[in-house]
All heavy atoms as atom14 arrays in JSON, in Angstrom:
{
  "sequence": "AASNTGSLLALLGYPLLVEPNLVLVHQSKVWAA",
  "atom14_mask": [
    [1, 1, 1, 1, 1, 0, 0, 0, 0, 0, 0, 0, 0, 0],
    [1, 1, 1, 1, 1, 0, 0, 0, 0, 0, 0, 0, 0, 0],
    [1, 1, 1, 1, 1, 1, 0, 0, 0, 0, 0, 0, 0, 0],
    [1, 1, 1, 1, 1, 1, 1, 1, 0, 0, 0, 0, 0, 0],
    [1, 1, 1, 1, 1, 1, 1, 0, 0, 0, 0, 0, 0, 0],
    [1, 1, 1, 1, 0, 0, 0, 0, 0, 0, 0, 0, 0, 0],
    [1, 1, 1, 1, 1, 1, 0, 0, 0, 0, 0, 0, 0, 0],
    [1, 1, 1, 1, 1, 1, 1, 1, 0, 0, 0, 0, 0, 0],
    [1, 1, 1, 1, 1, 1, 1, 1, 0, 0, 0, 0, 0, 0],
    [1, 1, 1, 1, 1, 0, 0, 0, 0, 0, 0, 0, 0, 0],
    [1, 1, 1, 1, 1, 1, 1, 1, 0, 0, 0, 0, 0, 0],
    [1, 1, 1, 1, 1, 1, 1, 1, 0, 0, 0, 0, 0, 0],
    [1, 1, 1, 1, 0, 0, 0, 0, 0, 0, 0, 0, 0, 0],
    [1, 1, 1, 1, 1, 1, 1, 1, 1, 1, 1, 1, 0, 0],
    [1, 1, 1, 1, 1, 1, 1, 0, 0, 0, 0, 0, 0, 0],
    [1, 1, 1, 1, 1, 1, 1, 1, 0, 0, 0, 0, 0, 0],
    [1, 1, 1, 1, 1, 1, 1, 1, 0, 0, 0, 0, 0, 0],
    [1, 1, 1, 1, 1, 1, 1, 0, 0, 0, 0, 0, 0, 0],
    [1, 1, 1, 1, 1, 1, 1, 1, 1, 0, 0, 0, 0, 0],
    [1, 1, 1, 1, 1, 1, 1, 0, 0, 0, 0, 0, 0, 0],
    [1, 1, 1, 1, 1, 1, 1, 1, 0, 0, 0, 0, 0, 0],
    [1, 1, 1, 1, 1, 1, 1, 1, 0, 0, 0, 0, 0, 0],
    [1, 1, 1, 1, 1, 1, 1, 0, 0, 0, 0, 0, 0, 0],
    [1, 1, 1, 1, 1, 1, 1, 1, 0, 0, 0, 0, 0, 0],
    [1, 1, 1, 1, 1, 1, 1, 0, 0, 0, 0, 0, 0, 0],
    [1, 1, 1, 1, 1, 1, 1, 1, 1, 1, 0, 0, 0, 0],
    [1, 1, 1, 1, 1, 1, 1, 1, 1, 0, 0, 0, 0, 0],
    [1, 1, 1, 1, 1, 1, 0, 0, 0, 0, 0, 0, 0, 0],
    [1, 1, 1, 1, 1, 1, 1, 1, 1, 0, 0, 0, 0, 0],
    [1, 1, 1, 1, 1, 1, 1, 0, 0, 0, 0, 0, 0, 0],
    [1, 1, 1, 1, 1, 1, 1, 1, 1, 1, 1, 1, 1, 1],
    [1, 1, 1, 1, 1, 0, 0, 0, 0, 0, 0, 0, 0, 0],
    [1, 1, 1, 1, 1, 0, 0, 0, 0, 0, 0, 0, 0, 0]
  ],
  "atom14_positions": [
    [[0.84, -1.16, 0.02], [0.08, 0.04, -0.03], [0.82, 1.31, 0.02], [0.59, 2.1, -0.72], [-0.86, -0.01, 1.19], [0.0, 0.0, 0.0], [0.0, 0.0, 0.0], [0.0, 0.0, 0.0], [0.0, 0.0, 0.0], [0.0, 0.0, 0.0], [0.0, 0.0, 0.0], [0.0, 0.0, 0.0], [0.0, 0.0, 0.0], [0.0, 0.0, 0.0]],
    [[1.91, 1.25, 0.75], [2.94, 2.35, 0.78], [3.46, 2.61, -0.5], [3.68, 3.64, -1.08], [3.88, 2.16, 1.82], [0.0, 0.0, 0.0], [0.0, 0.0, 0.0], [0.0, 0.0, 0.0], [0.0, 0.0, 0.0], [0.0, 0.0, 0.0], [0.0, 0.0, 0.0], [0.0, 0.0, 0.0], [0.0, 0.0, 0.0], [0.0, 0.0, 0.0]],
    [[4.01, 1.48, -1.14], [4.72, 1.7, -2.37], [3.74, 2.1, -3.46], [4.12, 2.87, -4.36], [5.36, 0.3, -2.73], [4.45, -0.62, -3.0], [0.0, 0.0, 0.0], [0.0, 0.0, 0.0], [0.0, 0.0, 0.0], [0.0, 0.0, 0.0], [0.0, 0.0, 0.0], [0.0, 0.0, 0.0], [0.0, 0.0, 0.0], [0.0, 0.0, 0.0]],
    [[2.58, 1.67, -3.52], [1.71, 2.02, -4.63], [1.16, 3.27, -4.43], [0.75, 3.97, -5.43], [0.49, 0.99, -4.69], [1.02, -0.38, -5.4], [1.21, -0.3, -6.66], [1.16, -1.41, -4.6], [0.0, 0.0, 0.0], [0.0, 0.0, 0.0], [0.0, 0.0, 0.0], [0.0, 0.0, 0.0], [0.0, 0.0, 0.0], [0.0, 0.0, 0.0]],
    [[1.06, 3.85, -3.05], [0.82, 5.14, -2.91], [1.85, 6.08, -3.49], [1.5, 7.26, -4.11], [0.56, 5.47, -1.35], [-0.51, 4.64, -0.89], [0.24, 6.96, -1.16], [0.0, 0.0, 0.0], [0.0, 0.0, 0.0], [0.0, 0.0, 0.0], [0.0, 0.0, 0.0], [0.0, 0.0, 0.0], [0.0, 0.0, 0.0], [0.0, 0.0, 0.0]],
    [[3.05, 5.73, -3.14], [4.16, 6.53, -3.79], [4.04, 6.51, -5.39], [4.3, 7.57, -6.08], [0.0, 0.0, 0.0], [0.0, 0.0, 0.0], [0.0, 0.0, 0.0], [0.0, 0.0, 0.0], [0.0, 0.0, 0.0], [0.0, 0.0, 0.0], [0.0, 0.0, 0.0], [0.0, 0.0, 0.0], [0.0, 0.0, 0.0], [0.0, 0.0, 0.0]],
    [[3.67, 5.39, -6.01], [3.58, 5.33, -7.41], [2.44, 6.24, -7.89], [2.54, 7.03, -8.96], [3.2, 3.84, -7.93], [4.19, 3.02, -7.4], [0.0, 0.0, 0.0], [0.0, 0.0, 0.0], [0.0, 0.0, 0.0], [0.0, 0.0, 0.0], [0.0, 0.0, 0.0], [0.0, 0.0, 0.0], [0.0, 0.0, 0.0], [0.0, 0.0, 0.0]],
    [[1.26, 6.17, -7.16], [0.23, 7.03, -7.65], [0.46, 8.5, -7.46], [0.19, 9.33, -8.43], [-1.05, 6.64, -6.74], [-2.36, 7.5, -6.88], [-2.84, 7.22, -8.26], [-3.42, 7.18, -5.91], [0.0, 0.0, 0.0], [0.0, 0.0, 0.0], [0.0, 0.0, 0.0], [0.0, 0.0, 0.0], [0.0, 0.0, 0.0], [0.0, 0.0, 0.0]],
    [[1.11, 8.91, -6.43], [1.47, 10.39, -6.26], [2.44, 10.81, -7.24], [2.47, 11.96, -7.73], [1.91, 10.51, -4.74], [0.8, 10.29, -3.68], [1.62, 10.6, -2.28], [-0.18, 11.28, -3.89], [0.0, 0.0, 0.0], [0.0, 0.0, 0.0], [0.0, 0.0, 0.0], [0.0, 0.0, 0.0], [0.0, 0.0, 0.0], [0.0, 0.0, 0.0]],
    [[3.42, 9.91, -7.55], [4.51, 10.33, -8.61], [3.77, 10.41, -9.86], [4.17, 11.44, -10.58], [5.58, 9.21, -8.54], [0.0, 0.0, 0.0], [0.0, 0.0, 0.0], [0.0, 0.0, 0.0], [0.0, 0.0, 0.0], [0.0, 0.0, 0.0], [0.0, 0.0, 0.0], [0.0, 0.0, 0.0], [0.0, 0.0, 0.0], [0.0, 0.0, 0.0]],
    [[2.85, 9.68, -10.27], [2.33, 9.84, -11.67], [1.38, 10.97, -11.73], [1.41, 11.77, -12.66], [1.51, 8.56, -11.92], [2.28, 7.2, -12.08], [1.37, 6.05, -12.19], [2.94, 7.37, -13.52], [0.0, 0.0, 0.0], [0.0, 0.0, 0.0], [0.0, 0.0, 0.0], [0.0, 0.0, 0.0], [0.0, 0.0, 0.0], [0.0, 0.0, 0.0]],
    [[0.74, 11.4, -10.6], [-0.22, 12.54, -10.71], [0.65, 13.67, -10.41], [0.32, 14.88, -10.97], [-1.2, 12.34, -9.49], [-2.31, 11.27, -9.68], [-3.36, 11.18, -8.55], [-3.03, 11.56, -10.96], [0.0, 0.0, 0.0], [0.0, 0.0, 0.0], [0.0, 0.0, 0.0], [0.0, 0.0, 0.0], [0.0, 0.0, 0.0], [0.0, 0.0, 0.0]],
    [[1.66, 13.69, -9.62], [2.48, 14.91, -9.25], [3.35, 15.31, -10.45], [3.63, 16.48, -10.61], [0.0, 0.0, 0.0], [0.0, 0.0, 0.0], [0.0, 0.0, 0.0], [0.0, 0.0, 0.0], [0.0, 0.0, 0.0], [0.0, 0.0, 0.0], [0.0, 0.0, 0.0], [0.0, 0.0, 0.0], [0.0, 0.0, 0.0], [0.0, 0.0, 0.0]],
    [[3.71, 14.4, -11.4], [4.53, 14.8, -12.44], [4.0, 15.85, -13.45], [4.57, 16.95, -13.64], [5.03, 13.6, -13.27], [6.02, 13.99, -14.34], [7.34, 14.11, -13.99], [5.69, 14.29, -15.64], [8.28, 14.53, -14.95], [6.5, 14.59, -16.58], [7.86, 14.77, -16.31], [8.74, 15.24, -17.24], [0.0, 0.0, 0.0], [0.0, 0.0, 0.0]],
    [[2.78, 15.6, -14.04], [2.2, 16.67, -14.9], [1.74, 17.83, -14.07], [1.65, 18.91, -14.72], [1.09, 15.83, -15.41], [0.67, 14.87, -14.6], [1.9, 14.31, -13.86], [0.0, 0.0, 0.0], [0.0, 0.0, 0.0], [0.0, 0.0, 0.0], [0.0, 0.0, 0.0], [0.0, 0.0, 0.0], [0.0, 0.0, 0.0], [0.0, 0.0, 0.0]],
    [[1.41, 17.68, -12.83], [0.71, 18.84, -12.13], [1.88, 19.75, -11.44], [1.62, 20.89, -11.27], [-0.2, 18.27, -11.15], [-1.44, 17.48, -11.61], [-2.36, 17.01, -10.5], [-2.16, 18.43, -12.63], [0.0, 0.0, 0.0], [0.0, 0.0, 0.0], [0.0, 0.0, 0.0], [0.0, 0.0, 0.0], [0.0, 0.0, 0.0], [0.0, 0.0, 0.0]],
    [[2.93, 19.08, -10.93], [3.96, 19.78, -10.03], [5.24, 19.85, -10.77], [5.86, 20.87, -10.82], [3.95, 19.21, -8.74], [2.69, 19.33, -7.87], [2.83, 18.5, -6.56], [2.26, 20.81, -7.68], [0.0, 0.0, 0.0], [0.0, 0.0, 0.0], [0.0, 0.0, 0.0], [0.0, 0.0, 0.0], [0.0, 0.0, 0.0], [0.0, 0.0, 0.0]],
    [[5.76, 18.63, -11.08], [7.21, 18.54, -11.52], [7.34, 19.14, -12.95], [8.22, 20.05, -13.1], [7.62, 17.04, -11.72], [9.02, 16.87, -12.14], [7.48, 16.41, -10.22], [0.0, 0.0, 0.0], [0.0, 0.0, 0.0], [0.0, 0.0, 0.0], [0.0, 0.0, 0.0], [0.0, 0.0, 0.0], [0.0, 0.0, 0.0], [0.0, 0.0, 0.0]],
    [[6.56, 18.78, -13.94], [6.78, 19.26, -15.24], [6.62, 20.76, -15.37], [7.48, 21.43, -16.06], [5.88, 18.48, -16.09], [6.12, 18.89, -17.74], [5.14, 18.08, -18.66], [4.1, 17.65, -17.98], [5.32, 17.97, -19.76], [0.0, 0.0, 0.0], [0.0, 0.0, 0.0], [0.0, 0.0, 0.0], [0.0, 0.0, 0.0], [0.0, 0.0, 0.0]],
    [[5.71, 21.45, -14.71], [5.46, 22.87, -14.92], [6.57, 23.66, -14.19], [6.74, 24.86, -14.58], [4.2, 23.28, -14.34], [3.4, 21.83, -14.18], [4.41, 20.81, -13.97], [0.0, 0.0, 0.0], [0.0, 0.0, 0.0], [0.0, 0.0, 0.0], [0.0, 0.0, 0.0], [0.0, 0.0, 0.0], [0.0, 0.0, 0.0], [0.0, 0.0, 0.0]],
    [[7.36, 23.05, -13.24], [8.21, 23.91, -12.38], [9.61, 23.53, -12.66], [10.58, 24.29, -12.11], [7.84, 23.7, -10.96], [6.42, 24.16, -10.63], [6.12, 25.38, -10.73], [5.67, 23.33, -10.07], [0.0, 0.0, 0.0], [0.0, 0.0, 0.0], [0.0, 0.0, 0.0], [0.0, 0.0, 0.0], [0.0, 0.0, 0.0], [0.0, 0.0, 0.0]],
    [[9.93, 22.39, -13.22], [11.38, 22.0, -13.45], [11.76, 21.55, -14.86], [10.77, 20.82, -15.48], [11.76, 20.76, -12.57], [11.81, 21.02, -11.01], [12.07, 19.71, -10.28], [12.86, 22.07, -10.67], [0.0, 0.0, 0.0], [0.0, 0.0, 0.0], [0.0, 0.0, 0.0], [0.0, 0.0, 0.0], [0.0, 0.0, 0.0], [0.0, 0.0, 0.0]],
    [[12.58, 22.14, -15.47], [13.12, 21.63, -16.81], [13.63, 20.29, -16.67], [13.98, 19.88, -15.53], [14.12, 22.64, -17.43], [13.51, 24.07, -17.64], [15.3, 22.61, -16.55], [0.0, 0.0, 0.0], [0.0, 0.0, 0.0], [0.0, 0.0, 0.0], [0.0, 0.0, 0.0], [0.0, 0.0, 0.0], [0.0, 0.0, 0.0], [0.0, 0.0, 0.0]],
    [[13.86, 19.57, -17.75], [14.13, 18.23, -17.84], [15.57, 17.92, -17.06], [15.79, 16.95, -16.48], [14.16, 17.72, -19.26], [12.88, 17.37, -19.74], [12.91, 17.07, -21.29], [12.16, 16.24, -19.12], [0.0, 0.0, 0.0], [0.0, 0.0, 0.0], [0.0, 0.0, 0.0], [0.0, 0.0, 0.0], [0.0, 0.0, 0.0], [0.0, 0.0, 0.0]],
    [[16.51, 18.88, -17.39], [17.91, 18.77, -16.77], [17.76, 18.72, -15.47], [18.32, 17.9, -14.61], [18.7, 19.93, -17.28], [20.11, 19.77, -16.45], [18.9, 19.82, -18.8], [0.0, 0.0, 0.0], [0.0, 0.0, 0.0], [0.0, 0.0, 0.0], [0.0, 0.0, 0.0], [0.0, 0.0, 0.0], [0.0, 0.0, 0.0], [0.0, 0.0, 0.0]],
    [[17.01, 19.71, -14.7], [16.85, 19.72, -13.22], [16.02, 18.45, -12.83], [16.26, 17.9, -11.65], [16.06, 20.98, -12.82], [17.1, 22.16, -13.16], [16.51, 23.48, -13.21], [18.37, 22.35, -13.36], [17.35, 24.4, -13.44], [18.67, 23.74, -13.56], [0.0, 0.0, 0.0], [0.0, 0.0, 0.0], [0.0, 0.0, 0.0], [0.0, 0.0, 0.0]],
    [[14.98, 18.04, -13.45], [14.25, 16.9, -13.1], [15.16, 15.69, -13.01], [15.02, 14.84, -12.05], [13.2, 16.6, -14.18], [12.05, 17.54, -14.29], [11.08, 17.25, -15.34], [10.87, 16.08, -15.76], [10.39, 18.3, -15.85], [0.0, 0.0, 0.0], [0.0, 0.0, 0.0], [0.0, 0.0, 0.0], [0.0, 0.0, 0.0], [0.0, 0.0, 0.0]],
    [[16.07, 15.5, -13.98], [16.98, 14.43, -13.96], [17.98, 14.46, -12.79], [18.23, 13.41, -12.18], [17.8, 14.32, -15.24], [18.56, 13.14, -15.38], [0.0, 0.0, 0.0], [0.0, 0.0, 0.0], [0.0, 0.0, 0.0], [0.0, 0.0, 0.0], [0.0, 0.0, 0.0], [0.0, 0.0, 0.0], [0.0, 0.0, 0.0], [0.0, 0.0, 0.0]],
    [[18.35, 15.66, -12.44], [19.26, 15.89, -11.31], [18.73, 15.62, -10.04], [19.17, 14.89, -9.07], [19.99, 17.24, -11.29], [20.91, 17.5, -12.47], [21.57, 18.81, -12.41], [22.59, 19.18, -13.5], [23.07, 20.51, -13.46], [0.0, 0.0, 0.0], [0.0, 0.0, 0.0], [0.0, 0.0, 0.0], [0.0, 0.0, 0.0], [0.0, 0.0, 0.0]],
    [[17.29, 16.01, -9.86], [16.55, 15.69, -8.61], [16.35, 14.26, -8.5], [16.45, 13.67, -7.35], [15.21, 16.47, -8.56], [14.34, 16.05, -7.47], [15.49, 18.08, -8.47], [0.0, 0.0, 0.0], [0.0, 0.0, 0.0], [0.0, 0.0, 0.0], [0.0, 0.0, 0.0], [0.0, 0.0, 0.0], [0.0, 0.0, 0.0], [0.0, 0.0, 0.0]],
    [[16.13, 13.68, -9.66], [15.88, 12.15, -9.61], [17.03, 11.44, -9.2], [17.02, 10.47, -8.25], [15.39, 11.64, -10.9], [14.75, 10.23, -10.82], [13.44, 9.84, -10.77], [15.52, 8.98, -10.97], [13.33, 8.66, -10.76], [14.5, 8.01, -10.79], [16.78, 8.63, -11.01], [14.81, 6.6, -10.92], [17.1, 7.28, -11.09], [16.11, 6.32, -10.95]],
    [[18.27, 11.86, -9.65], [19.52, 11.25, -9.28], [19.78, 11.4, -7.78], [20.25, 10.46, -6.97], [20.67, 11.8, -9.97], [0.0, 0.0, 0.0], [0.0, 0.0, 0.0], [0.0, 0.0, 0.0], [0.0, 0.0, 0.0], [0.0, 0.0, 0.0], [0.0, 0.0, 0.0], [0.0, 0.0, 0.0], [0.0, 0.0, 0.0], [0.0, 0.0, 0.0]],
    [[19.44, 12.63, -7.13], [19.62, 12.94, -5.74], [18.69, 11.99, -5.02], [19.05, 11.4, -3.87], [19.26, 14.25, -5.45], [0.0, 0.0, 0.0], [0.0, 0.0, 0.0], [0.0, 0.0, 0.0], [0.0, 0.0, 0.0], [0.0, 0.0, 0.0], [0.0, 0.0, 0.0], [0.0, 0.0, 0.0], [0.0, 0.0, 0.0], [0.0, 0.0, 0.0]]
  ]
}
């Protein structure tokens, strides 16, 4: 349940929060961190 909650929030958060606020280069660096 915890892991799938993370999956769900990641999928919904990407188009709503991540993509509008971070360019791809920064997205990749944050993911690496």
